[in-house]
Amino acid sequence: MKRILAGLATACAATLVAVTPTAAQAAPVDPVKALKQQYAPGHGVRFVESAHTSVGGKTMSAEKATGRLAFGKNGVVASDISTHGRRGTSLSPDRMISVGGHAYFQGGVYEEGLPEGKKWVRYEQPAGGTTLNQPLDIFEPKILKALVSKARSVKGGTYKGEITYKEIAKLYGETLKGAVSKIKVTYALGLNSKGLVNRLRTSWTLDFGVLGKTTGTTDTRYIGWGSRVTIKAPAQDTWVDAKSLGEDSDVPEQVPQDNLHVFAH
């Protein structure tokens, strides 16, 4: 669940296109079925993403990201993501590779005071389907199905709607309470002619009262569905385990949990 909700505070269309209508046209492509057909080892998808977060109307972060997601038989099993731009937290890495149950961080605070020859910091962290700042995981069939079915309008081939974090948690069989559960994520989800997502735009707002409102928007474009994707961990002699760095290190001992998704647990 943490991975599913990741990126909401650090950054903290469904265009269901079918064949041109004819009298003998078959039913529209099922996006969930189309997604599952992509889950094959050695293949994946690439993405380009921009995310913006403001507090009280003042920009706090404006990030750009590019990356690759690798598939297994049941979903995303690895990712390689690079980011740049104005960030809302110094704990954001320049690059993150997630594979084999571990995440490898590089850049920024993660390269300060490392042992000689080390360029990466390793954490225990399984891969997930979201990108760094996208709060909705379109690689989870339950989420994708909900976004299509909950759409309130279909105009110009674009499905638009909104979903709360409470509803998202329920899809995963979890219960979410408090302010985070009430956050509404507004979305526009686009699919290509094969029923595969080619774009997801989301926005959300959390009102902190006298502290002002925090607003986030994320625009992700998915390209190269089915392309060959191989992601490997950095060479063992280039990384150091975060837990071995000790208390005197400025590098976080655990994967930073400074996003709103920590409130889900």
C-alpha atoms as a PDB file:
ATOM      1  CA  MET A   1       0.000   0.000   0.000  1.00  0.00           C
ATOM      2  CA  LYS A   2       2.877   2.356   0.790  1.00  0.00           C
ATOM      3  CA  ARG A   3       4.299   1.913  -2.673  1.00  0.00           C
ATOM      4  CA  ILE A   4       0.857   2.371  -4.219  1.00  0.00           C
ATOM      5  CA  LEU A   5       0.425   5.733  -2.479  1.00  0.00           C
ATOM      6  CA  ALA A   6       4.037   6.888  -2.978  1.00  0.00           C
ATOM      7  CA  GLY A   7       4.772  10.349  -4.332  1.00  0.00           C
ATOM      8  CA  LEU A   8       1.615  12.137  -3.243  1.00  0.00           C
ATOM      9  CA  ALA A   9       3.341  14.707  -0.994  1.00  0.00           C
ATOM     10  CA  THR A  10       6.780  14.879  -2.587  1.00  0.00           C
ATOM     11  CA  ALA A  11       5.034  16.059  -5.702  1.00  0.00           C
ATOM     12  CA  CYS A  12       2.782  16.220  -2.637  1.00  0.00           C
ATOM     13  CA  ALA A  13      -7.174  10.056 -20.633  1.00  0.00           C
ATOM     14  CA  ALA A  14      -9.505   7.022 -19.863  1.00  0.00           C
ATOM     15  CA  THR A  15      -9.626   7.505 -23.619  1.00  0.00           C
ATOM     16  CA  LEU A  16     -11.054   4.146 -24.415  1.00  0.00           C
ATOM     17  CA  VAL A  17     -10.331   4.160 -28.142  1.00  0.00           C
ATOM     18  CA  ALA A  18     -11.848   1.343 -30.126  1.00  0.00           C
ATOM     19  CA  VAL A  19     -12.061   0.552 -33.808  1.00  0.00           C
ATOM     20  CA  THR A  20     -14.005   3.102 -35.853  1.00  0.00           C
ATOM     21  CA  PRO A  21     -17.668   2.341 -35.153  1.00  0.00           C
ATOM     22  CA  THR A  22     -19.419   0.161 -37.693  1.00  0.00           C
ATOM     23  CA  ALA A  23     -22.586  -1.833 -37.718  1.00  0.00           C
ATOM     24  CA  ALA A  24     -20.562  -4.972 -37.044  1.00  0.00           C
ATOM     25  CA  GLN A  25     -18.169  -3.471 -34.489  1.00  0.00           C
ATOM     26  CA  ALA A  26     -17.119  -5.665 -31.591  1.00  0.00           C
ATOM     27  CA  ALA A  27     -17.213  -4.520 -27.978  1.00  0.00           C
ATOM     28  CA  PRO A  28     -14.604  -1.902 -26.959  1.00  0.00           C
ATOM     29  CA  VAL A  29     -11.201  -3.183 -25.914  1.00  0.00           C
ATOM     30  CA  ASP A  30     -11.080  -4.230 -22.248  1.00  0.00           C
ATOM     31  CA  PRO A  31      -8.204  -2.190 -20.722  1.00  0.00           C
ATOM     32  CA  VAL A  32      -7.726  -4.632 -17.825  1.00  0.00           C
ATOM     33  CA  LYS A  33      -7.381  -7.568 -20.202  1.00  0.00           C
ATOM     34  CA  ALA A  34      -5.043  -5.542 -22.410  1.00  0.00           C
ATOM     35  CA  LEU A  35      -2.900  -4.689 -19.378  1.00  0.00           C
ATOM     36  CA  LYS A  36      -2.577  -8.280 -18.196  1.00  0.00           C
ATOM     37  CA  GLN A  37      -1.517  -9.375 -21.674  1.00  0.00           C
ATOM     38  CA  GLN A  38       1.508  -7.097 -21.336  1.00  0.00           C
ATOM     39  CA  TYR A  39       2.812  -8.891 -18.278  1.00  0.00           C
ATOM     40  CA  ALA A  40       5.630 -10.928 -19.759  1.00  0.00           C
ATOM     41  CA  PRO A  41       9.166 -11.245 -18.376  1.00  0.00           C
ATOM     42  CA  GLY A  42      11.714  -9.279 -20.377  1.00  0.00           C
ATOM     43  CA  HIS A  43       9.181  -6.699 -21.521  1.00  0.00           C
ATOM     44  CA  GLY A  44       7.881  -3.460 -20.078  1.00  0.00           C
ATOM     45  CA  VAL A  45       7.034   0.168 -20.743  1.00  0.00           C
ATOM     46  CA  ARG A  46       8.751   3.563 -20.578  1.00  0.00           C
ATOM     47  CA  PHE A  47       7.350   6.787 -19.172  1.00  0.00           C
ATOM     48  CA  VAL A  48       7.898  10.535 -19.081  1.00  0.00           C
ATOM     49  CA  GLU A  49       6.449  12.467 -16.162  1.00  0.00           C
ATOM     50  CA  SER A  50       6.116  15.989 -14.800  1.00  0.00           C
ATOM     51  CA  ALA A  51       4.854  16.808 -11.316  1.00  0.00           C
ATOM     52  CA  HIS A  52       4.138  20.081  -9.544  1.00  0.00           C
ATOM     53  CA  THR A  53       3.363  20.739  -5.888  1.00  0.00           C
ATOM     54  CA  SER A  54       2.373  24.051  -4.314  1.00  0.00           C
ATOM     55  CA  VAL A  55       1.611  25.148  -0.756  1.00  0.00           C
ATOM     56  CA  GLY A  56      -0.548  28.206  -0.237  1.00  0.00           C
ATOM     57  CA  GLY A  57      -0.166  29.011  -3.918  1.00  0.00           C
ATOM     58  CA  LYS A  58       3.655  28.946  -3.741  1.00  0.00           C
ATOM     59  CA  THR A  59       5.526  26.360  -5.818  1.00  0.00           C
ATOM     60  CA  MET A  60       7.375  23.881  -3.618  1.00  0.00           C
ATOM     61  CA  SER A  61       8.499  21.390  -6.245  1.00  0.00           C
ATOM     62  CA  ALA A  62       8.494  20.992 -10.020  1.00  0.00           C
ATOM     63  CA  GLU A  63       9.998  17.668 -10.971  1.00  0.00           C
ATOM     64  CA  LYS A  64      10.640  15.924 -14.257  1.00  0.00           C
ATOM     65  CA  ALA A  65      11.180  12.187 -14.450  1.00  0.00           C
ATOM     66  CA  THR A  66      11.904   9.552 -17.049  1.00  0.00           C
ATOM     67  CA  GLY A  67      12.113   5.853 -16.550  1.00  0.00           C
ATOM     68  CA  ARG A  68      11.508   2.245 -17.462  1.00  0.00           C
ATOM     69  CA  LEU A  69       9.293  -0.326 -15.784  1.00  0.00           C
ATOM     70  CA  ALA A  70       9.970  -4.045 -16.264  1.00  0.00           C
ATOM     71  CA  PHE A  71       7.202  -6.648 -16.095  1.00  0.00           C
ATOM     72  CA  GLY A  72       6.950 -10.120 -14.678  1.00  0.00           C
ATOM     73  CA  LYS A  73       4.020 -12.507 -15.047  1.00  0.00           C
ATOM     74  CA  ASN A  74       1.827 -10.555 -12.626  1.00  0.00           C
ATOM     75  CA  GLY A  75       2.911  -6.939 -12.855  1.00  0.00           C
ATOM     76  CA  VAL A  76       5.847  -4.592 -12.398  1.00  0.00           C
ATOM     77  CA  VAL A  77       8.923  -6.303 -10.954  1.00  0.00           C
ATOM     78  CA  ALA A  78      11.612  -3.665 -11.486  1.00  0.00           C
ATOM     79  CA  SER A  79      12.062   0.026 -12.282  1.00  0.00           C
ATOM     80  CA  ASP A  80      14.802   2.459 -13.233  1.00  0.00           C
ATOM     81  CA  ILE A  81      13.855   6.118 -12.711  1.00  0.00           C
ATOM     82  CA  SER A  82      15.818   9.355 -13.119  1.00  0.00           C
ATOM     83  CA  THR A  83      14.586  12.744 -11.875  1.00  0.00           C
ATOM     84  CA  HIS A  84      15.615  16.368 -12.094  1.00  0.00           C
ATOM     85  CA  GLY A  85      14.172  19.797 -11.412  1.00  0.00           C
ATOM     86  CA  ARG A  86      13.116  21.677  -8.330  1.00  0.00           C
ATOM     87  CA  ARG A  87      12.329  19.193  -5.583  1.00  0.00           C
ATOM     88  CA  GLY A  88      10.262  19.552  -2.473  1.00  0.00           C
ATOM     89  CA  THR A  89      12.592  17.408  -0.369  1.00  0.00           C
ATOM     90  CA  SER A  90      16.344  16.930  -0.201  1.00  0.00           C
ATOM     91  CA  LEU A  91      15.700  13.206   0.241  1.00  0.00           C
ATOM     92  CA  SER A  92      14.719  12.684  -3.380  1.00  0.00           C
ATOM     93  CA  PRO A  93      17.400  10.710  -5.266  1.00  0.00           C
ATOM     94  CA  ASP A  94      18.691  11.648  -8.709  1.00  0.00           C
ATOM     95  CA  ARG A  95      18.220   8.057  -9.751  1.00  0.00           C
ATOM     96  CA  MET A  96      16.543   5.019  -8.241  1.00  0.00           C
ATOM     97  CA  ILE A  97      16.748   1.407  -9.370  1.00  0.00           C
ATOM     98  CA  SER A  98      14.297  -1.021  -7.779  1.00  0.00           C
ATOM     99  CA  VAL A  99      14.865  -4.706  -8.462  1.00  0.00           C
ATOM    100  CA  GLY A 100      15.107  -7.991  -6.586  1.00  0.00           C
ATOM    101  CA  GLY A 101      13.476  -6.719  -3.411  1.00  0.00           C
ATOM    102  CA  HIS A 102      15.869  -3.789  -3.043  1.00  0.00           C
ATOM    103  CA  ALA A 103      16.014  -0.138  -4.055  1.00  0.00           C
ATOM    104  CA  TYR A 104      19.289   1.549  -4.962  1.00  0.00           C
ATOM    105  CA  PHE A 105      19.485   5.348  -4.513  1.00  0.00           C
ATOM    106  CA  GLN A 106      22.048   7.626  -6.117  1.00  0.00           C
ATOM    107  CA  GLY A 107      22.697  11.370  -6.020  1.00  0.00           C
ATOM    108  CA  GLY A 108      22.109  14.168  -3.555  1.00  0.00           C
ATOM    109  CA  VAL A 109      22.317  13.143   0.083  1.00  0.00           C
ATOM    110  CA  TYR A 110      22.885   9.558  -1.024  1.00  0.00           C
ATOM    111  CA  GLU A 111      26.396  10.268  -2.254  1.00  0.00           C
ATOM    112  CA  GLU A 112      27.602  12.231   0.760  1.00  0.00           C
ATOM    113  CA  GLY A 113      30.169  10.551   2.968  1.00  0.00           C
ATOM    114  CA  LEU A 114      30.020   7.156   1.272  1.00  0.00           C
ATOM    115  CA  PRO A 115      32.963   4.766   1.554  1.00  0.00           C
ATOM    116  CA  GLU A 116      35.532   5.134  -1.212  1.00  0.00           C
ATOM    117  CA  GLY A 117      34.394   3.625  -4.502  1.00  0.00           C
ATOM    118  CA  LYS A 118      30.721   3.442  -3.509  1.00  0.00           C
ATOM    119  CA  LYS A 119      28.146   5.282  -5.656  1.00  0.00           C
ATOM    120  CA  TRP A 120      24.839   3.792  -4.529  1.00  0.00           C
ATOM    121  CA  VAL A 121      22.962   3.227  -1.262  1.00  0.00           C
ATOM    122  CA  ARG A 122      20.866   0.061  -1.028  1.00  0.00           C
ATOM    123  CA  TYR A 123      17.569  -0.305   0.844  1.00  0.00           C
ATOM    124  CA  GLU A 124      15.094  -3.124   1.272  1.00  0.00           C
ATOM    125  CA  GLN A 125      12.210  -2.066  -0.938  1.00  0.00           C
ATOM    126  CA  PRO A 126      10.140  -4.148  -3.369  1.00  0.00           C
ATOM    127  CA  ALA A 127       9.248  -2.745  -6.759  1.00  0.00           C
ATOM    128  CA  GLY A 128       5.858  -1.177  -7.335  1.00  0.00           C
ATOM    129  CA  GLY A 129       3.794  -0.127 -10.291  1.00  0.00           C
ATOM    130  CA  THR A 130       3.606   3.609  -9.732  1.00  0.00           C
ATOM    131  CA  THR A 131       6.138   6.153 -10.886  1.00  0.00           C
ATOM    132  CA  LEU A 132       7.706   8.503  -8.340  1.00  0.00           C
ATOM    133  CA  ASN A 133       4.873  11.038  -8.140  1.00  0.00           C
ATOM    134  CA  GLN A 134       1.806   9.372  -9.638  1.00  0.00           C
ATOM    135  CA  PRO A 135      -0.674   8.507  -6.835  1.00  0.00           C
ATOM    136  CA  LEU A 136      -2.743   6.094  -8.954  1.00  0.00           C
ATOM    137  CA  ASP A 137      -1.221   2.748  -9.936  1.00  0.00           C
ATOM    138  CA  ILE A 138      -2.584   1.930 -13.384  1.00  0.00           C
ATOM    139  CA  PHE A 139      -0.588  -1.324 -13.333  1.00  0.00           C
ATOM    140  CA  GLU A 140      -2.919  -2.697 -10.664  1.00  0.00           C
ATOM    141  CA  PRO A 141      -5.968  -4.151 -12.499  1.00  0.00           C
ATOM    142  CA  LYS A 142      -8.358  -3.220  -9.670  1.00  0.00           C
ATOM    143  CA  ILE A 143      -7.317   0.419  -9.850  1.00  0.00           C
ATOM    144  CA  LEU A 144      -7.483   0.582 -13.629  1.00  0.00           C
ATOM    145  CA  LYS A 145     -10.951  -0.975 -13.650  1.00  0.00           C
ATOM    146  CA  ALA A 146     -12.164   1.480 -11.006  1.00  0.00           C
ATOM    147  CA  LEU A 147     -10.867   4.515 -12.913  1.00  0.00           C
ATOM    148  CA  VAL A 148     -12.781   3.454 -16.014  1.00  0.00           C
ATOM    149  CA  SER A 149     -16.003   2.511 -14.218  1.00  0.00           C
ATOM    150  CA  LYS A 150     -16.045   5.595 -11.947  1.00  0.00           C
ATOM    151  CA  ALA A 151     -15.552   8.119 -14.746  1.00  0.00           C
ATOM    152  CA  ARG A 152     -18.196  10.846 -14.520  1.00  0.00           C
ATOM    153  CA  SER A 153     -17.785  12.106 -18.038  1.00  0.00           C
ATOM    154  CA  VAL A 154     -16.623  10.841 -21.394  1.00  0.00           C
ATOM    155  CA  LYS A 155     -15.889  13.666 -23.781  1.00  0.00           C
ATOM    156  CA  GLY A 156     -13.666  13.666 -26.795  1.00  0.00           C
ATOM    157  CA  GLY A 157     -12.533  10.164 -25.963  1.00  0.00           C
ATOM    158  CA  THR A 158     -11.379  11.113 -22.462  1.00  0.00           C
ATOM    159  CA  TYR A 159     -12.676   9.537 -19.257  1.00  0.00           C
ATOM    160  CA  LYS A 160     -12.647  11.959 -16.353  1.00  0.00           C
ATOM    161  CA  GLY A 161     -13.558  11.340 -12.739  1.00  0.00           C
ATOM    162  CA  GLU A 162     -12.354  11.340  -9.162  1.00  0.00           C
ATOM    163  CA  ILE A 163     -11.584   8.770  -6.517  1.00  0.00           C
ATOM    164  CA  THR A 164     -10.796   9.147  -2.808  1.00  0.00           C
ATOM    165  CA  TYR A 165      -7.898   7.586  -0.981  1.00  0.00           C
ATOM    166  CA  LYS A 166     -10.437   5.742   1.157  1.00  0.00           C
ATOM    167  CA  GLU A 167     -11.816   4.125  -1.994  1.00  0.00           C
ATOM    168  CA  ILE A 168      -8.320   3.296  -3.211  1.00  0.00           C
ATOM    169  CA  ALA A 169      -7.457   1.634   0.088  1.00  0.00           C
ATOM    170  CA  LYS A 170     -10.679  -0.388  -0.022  1.00  0.00           C
ATOM    171  CA  LEU A 171      -9.663  -1.816  -3.396  1.00  0.00           C
ATOM    172  CA  TYR A 172      -6.623  -3.270  -1.650  1.00  0.00           C
ATOM    173  CA  GLY A 173      -8.696  -4.636   1.212  1.00  0.00           C
ATOM    174  CA  GLU A 174      -7.449  -1.994   3.642  1.00  0.00           C
ATOM    175  CA  THR A 175      -9.138   0.642   5.784  1.00  0.00           C
ATOM    176  CA  LEU A 176      -7.962   4.226   5.667  1.00  0.00           C
ATOM    177  CA  LYS A 177      -9.131   6.908   8.104  1.00  0.00           C
ATOM    178  CA  GLY A 178      -8.352  10.527   8.885  1.00  0.00           C
ATOM    179  CA  ALA A 179      -7.631  13.484   6.624  1.00  0.00           C
ATOM    180  CA  VAL A 180      -5.759  11.439   4.016  1.00  0.00           C
ATOM    181  CA  SER A 181      -8.764   9.149   3.474  1.00  0.00           C
ATOM    182  CA  LYS A 182     -10.818  12.144   2.343  1.00  0.00           C
ATOM    183  CA  ILE A 183      -8.363  13.342  -0.296  1.00  0.00           C
ATOM    184  CA  LYS A 184      -9.976  13.283  -3.736  1.00  0.00           C
ATOM    185  CA  VAL A 185      -7.751  12.473  -6.669  1.00  0.00           C
ATOM    186  CA  THR A 186      -9.155  13.947  -9.878  1.00  0.00           C
ATOM    187  CA  TYR A 187      -8.015  12.083 -12.973  1.00  0.00           C
ATOM    188  CA  ALA A 188      -8.092  11.911 -16.764  1.00  0.00           C
ATOM    189  CA  LEU A 189      -7.019   8.567 -18.175  1.00  0.00           C
ATOM    190  CA  GLY A 190      -6.145   7.960 -21.818  1.00  0.00           C
ATOM    191  CA  LEU A 191      -5.934   4.630 -23.624  1.00  0.00           C
ATOM    192  CA  ASN A 192      -4.634   3.842 -27.091  1.00  0.00           C
ATOM    193  CA  SER A 193      -6.415   1.739 -29.696  1.00  0.00           C
ATOM    194  CA  LYS A 194      -5.152  -1.438 -28.029  1.00  0.00           C
ATOM    195  CA  GLY A 195      -6.659  -0.469 -24.688  1.00  0.00           C
ATOM    196  CA  LEU A 196      -3.309   0.408 -23.102  1.00  0.00           C
ATOM    197  CA  VAL A 197      -2.837   3.545 -21.020  1.00  0.00           C
ATOM    198  CA  ASN A 198      -0.903   6.233 -22.837  1.00  0.00           C
ATOM    199  CA  ARG A 199      -1.538   9.103 -20.430  1.00  0.00           C
ATOM    200  CA  LEU A 200      -2.655   9.719 -16.864  1.00  0.00           C
ATOM    201  CA  ARG A 201      -3.199  13.199 -15.421  1.00  0.00           C
ATOM    202  CA  THR A 202      -4.041  13.544 -11.740  1.00  0.00           C
ATOM    203  CA  SER A 203      -4.501  16.331  -9.216  1.00  0.00           C
ATOM    204  CA  TRP A 204      -5.280  16.492  -5.510  1.00  0.00           C
ATOM    205  CA  THR A 205      -5.625  19.046  -2.721  1.00  0.00           C
ATOM    206  CA  LEU A 206      -5.166  18.749   1.029  1.00  0.00           C
ATOM    207  CA  ASP A 207      -6.377  21.671   3.168  1.00  0.00           C
ATOM    208  CA  PHE A 208      -4.290  22.238   6.306  1.00  0.00           C
ATOM    209  CA  GLY A 209      -6.497  25.106   7.499  1.00  0.00           C
ATOM    210  CA  VAL A 210      -4.452  28.078   8.701  1.00  0.00           C
ATOM    211  CA  LEU A 211      -1.348  26.501   7.174  1.00  0.00           C
ATOM    212  CA  GLY A 212      -2.897  26.714   3.724  1.00  0.00           C
ATOM    213  CA  LYS A 213      -3.698  24.232   1.010  1.00  0.00           C
ATOM    214  CA  THR A 214      -1.249  21.807  -0.528  1.00  0.00           C
ATOM    215  CA  THR A 215      -2.012  21.007  -4.160  1.00  0.00           C
ATOM    216  CA  GLY A 216      -0.317  18.487  -6.407  1.00  0.00           C
ATOM    217  CA  THR A 217      -0.602  17.665 -10.105  1.00  0.00           C
ATOM    218  CA  THR A 218       1.098  14.881 -12.045  1.00  0.00           C
ATOM    219  CA  ASP A 219       1.088  14.200 -15.782  1.00  0.00           C
ATOM    220  CA  THR A 220       2.501  10.864 -16.926  1.00  0.00           C
ATOM    221  CA  ARG A 221       2.837   9.610 -20.499  1.00  0.00           C
ATOM    222  CA  TYR A 222       3.418   5.899 -21.095  1.00  0.00           C
ATOM    223  CA  ILE A 223       5.256   4.888 -24.256  1.00  0.00           C
ATOM    224  CA  GLY A 224       6.756   1.771 -25.789  1.00  0.00           C
ATOM    225  CA  TRP A 225       4.390  -0.833 -24.391  1.00  0.00           C
ATOM    226  CA  GLY A 226       5.796  -4.314 -24.978  1.00  0.00           C
ATOM    227  CA  SER A 227       9.342  -3.118 -25.632  1.00  0.00           C
ATOM    228  CA  ARG A 228      12.279  -5.117 -24.348  1.00  0.00           C
ATOM    229  CA  VAL A 229      13.240  -3.930 -20.868  1.00  0.00           C
ATOM    230  CA  THR A 230      16.026  -5.362 -18.734  1.00  0.00           C
ATOM    231  CA  ILE A 231      16.858  -3.801 -15.382  1.00  0.00           C
ATOM    232  CA  LYS A 232      19.786  -4.969 -13.299  1.00  0.00           C
ATOM    233  CA  ALA A 233      21.054  -3.943  -9.891  1.00  0.00           C
ATOM    234  CA  PRO A 234      24.243  -1.868  -9.788  1.00  0.00           C
ATOM    235  CA  ALA A 235      27.459  -3.879  -9.495  1.00  0.00           C
ATOM    236  CA  GLN A 236      27.959  -5.131  -5.956  1.00  0.00           C
ATOM    237  CA  ASP A 237      31.241  -3.286  -5.524  1.00  0.00           C
ATOM    238  CA  THR A 238      29.512   0.070  -6.229  1.00  0.00           C
ATOM    239  CA  TRP A 239      26.831   0.034  -3.521  1.00  0.00           C
ATOM    240  CA  VAL A 240      26.713   0.028   0.255  1.00  0.00           C
ATOM    241  CA  ASP A 241      23.864  -1.136   2.474  1.00  0.00           C
ATOM    242  CA  ALA A 242      22.216   1.818   4.235  1.00  0.00           C
ATOM    243  CA  LYS A 243      22.107  -0.012   7.566  1.00  0.00           C
ATOM    244  CA  SER A 244      25.877  -0.425   7.557  1.00  0.00           C
ATOM    245  CA  LEU A 245      26.620   3.311   7.377  1.00  0.00           C
ATOM    246  CA  GLY A 246      25.988   3.967  11.061  1.00  0.00           C
ATOM    247  CA  GLU A 247      24.354   6.776  13.006  1.00  0.00           C
ATOM    248  CA  ASP A 248      26.965   9.370  12.030  1.00  0.00           C
ATOM    249  CA  SER A 249      26.007   9.200   8.374  1.00  0.00           C
ATOM    250  CA  ASP A 250      23.685  11.804   6.844  1.00  0.00           C
ATOM    251  CA  VAL A 251      22.216   9.107   4.610  1.00  0.00           C
ATOM    252  CA  PRO A 252      18.781   7.937   5.853  1.00  0.00           C
ATOM    253  CA  GLU A 253      18.934   4.479   7.422  1.00  0.00           C
ATOM    254  CA  GLN A 254      15.595   3.508   5.871  1.00  0.00           C
ATOM    255  CA  VAL A 255      13.805   4.387   2.654  1.00  0.00           C
ATOM    256  CA  PRO A 256      12.456   7.913   3.298  1.00  0.00           C
ATOM    257  CA  GLN A 257       8.798   7.899   4.285  1.00  0.00           C
ATOM    258  CA  ASP A 258       8.141  11.631   4.105  1.00  0.00           C
ATOM    259  CA  ASN A 259       5.094  11.322   1.881  1.00  0.00           C
ATOM    260  CA  LEU A 260       1.452  11.383   2.865  1.00  0.00           C
ATOM    261  CA  HIS A 261       1.187   7.662   2.278  1.00  0.00           C
ATOM    262  CA  VAL A 262       2.796   7.015   5.670  1.00  0.00           C
ATOM    263  CA  PHE A 263      -0.533   7.952   7.249  1.00  0.00           C
ATOM    264  CA  ALA A 264      -2.136   4.957   5.592  1.00  0.00           C
ATOM    265  CA  HIS A 265      -0.513   2.667   8.180  1.00  0.00           C
END
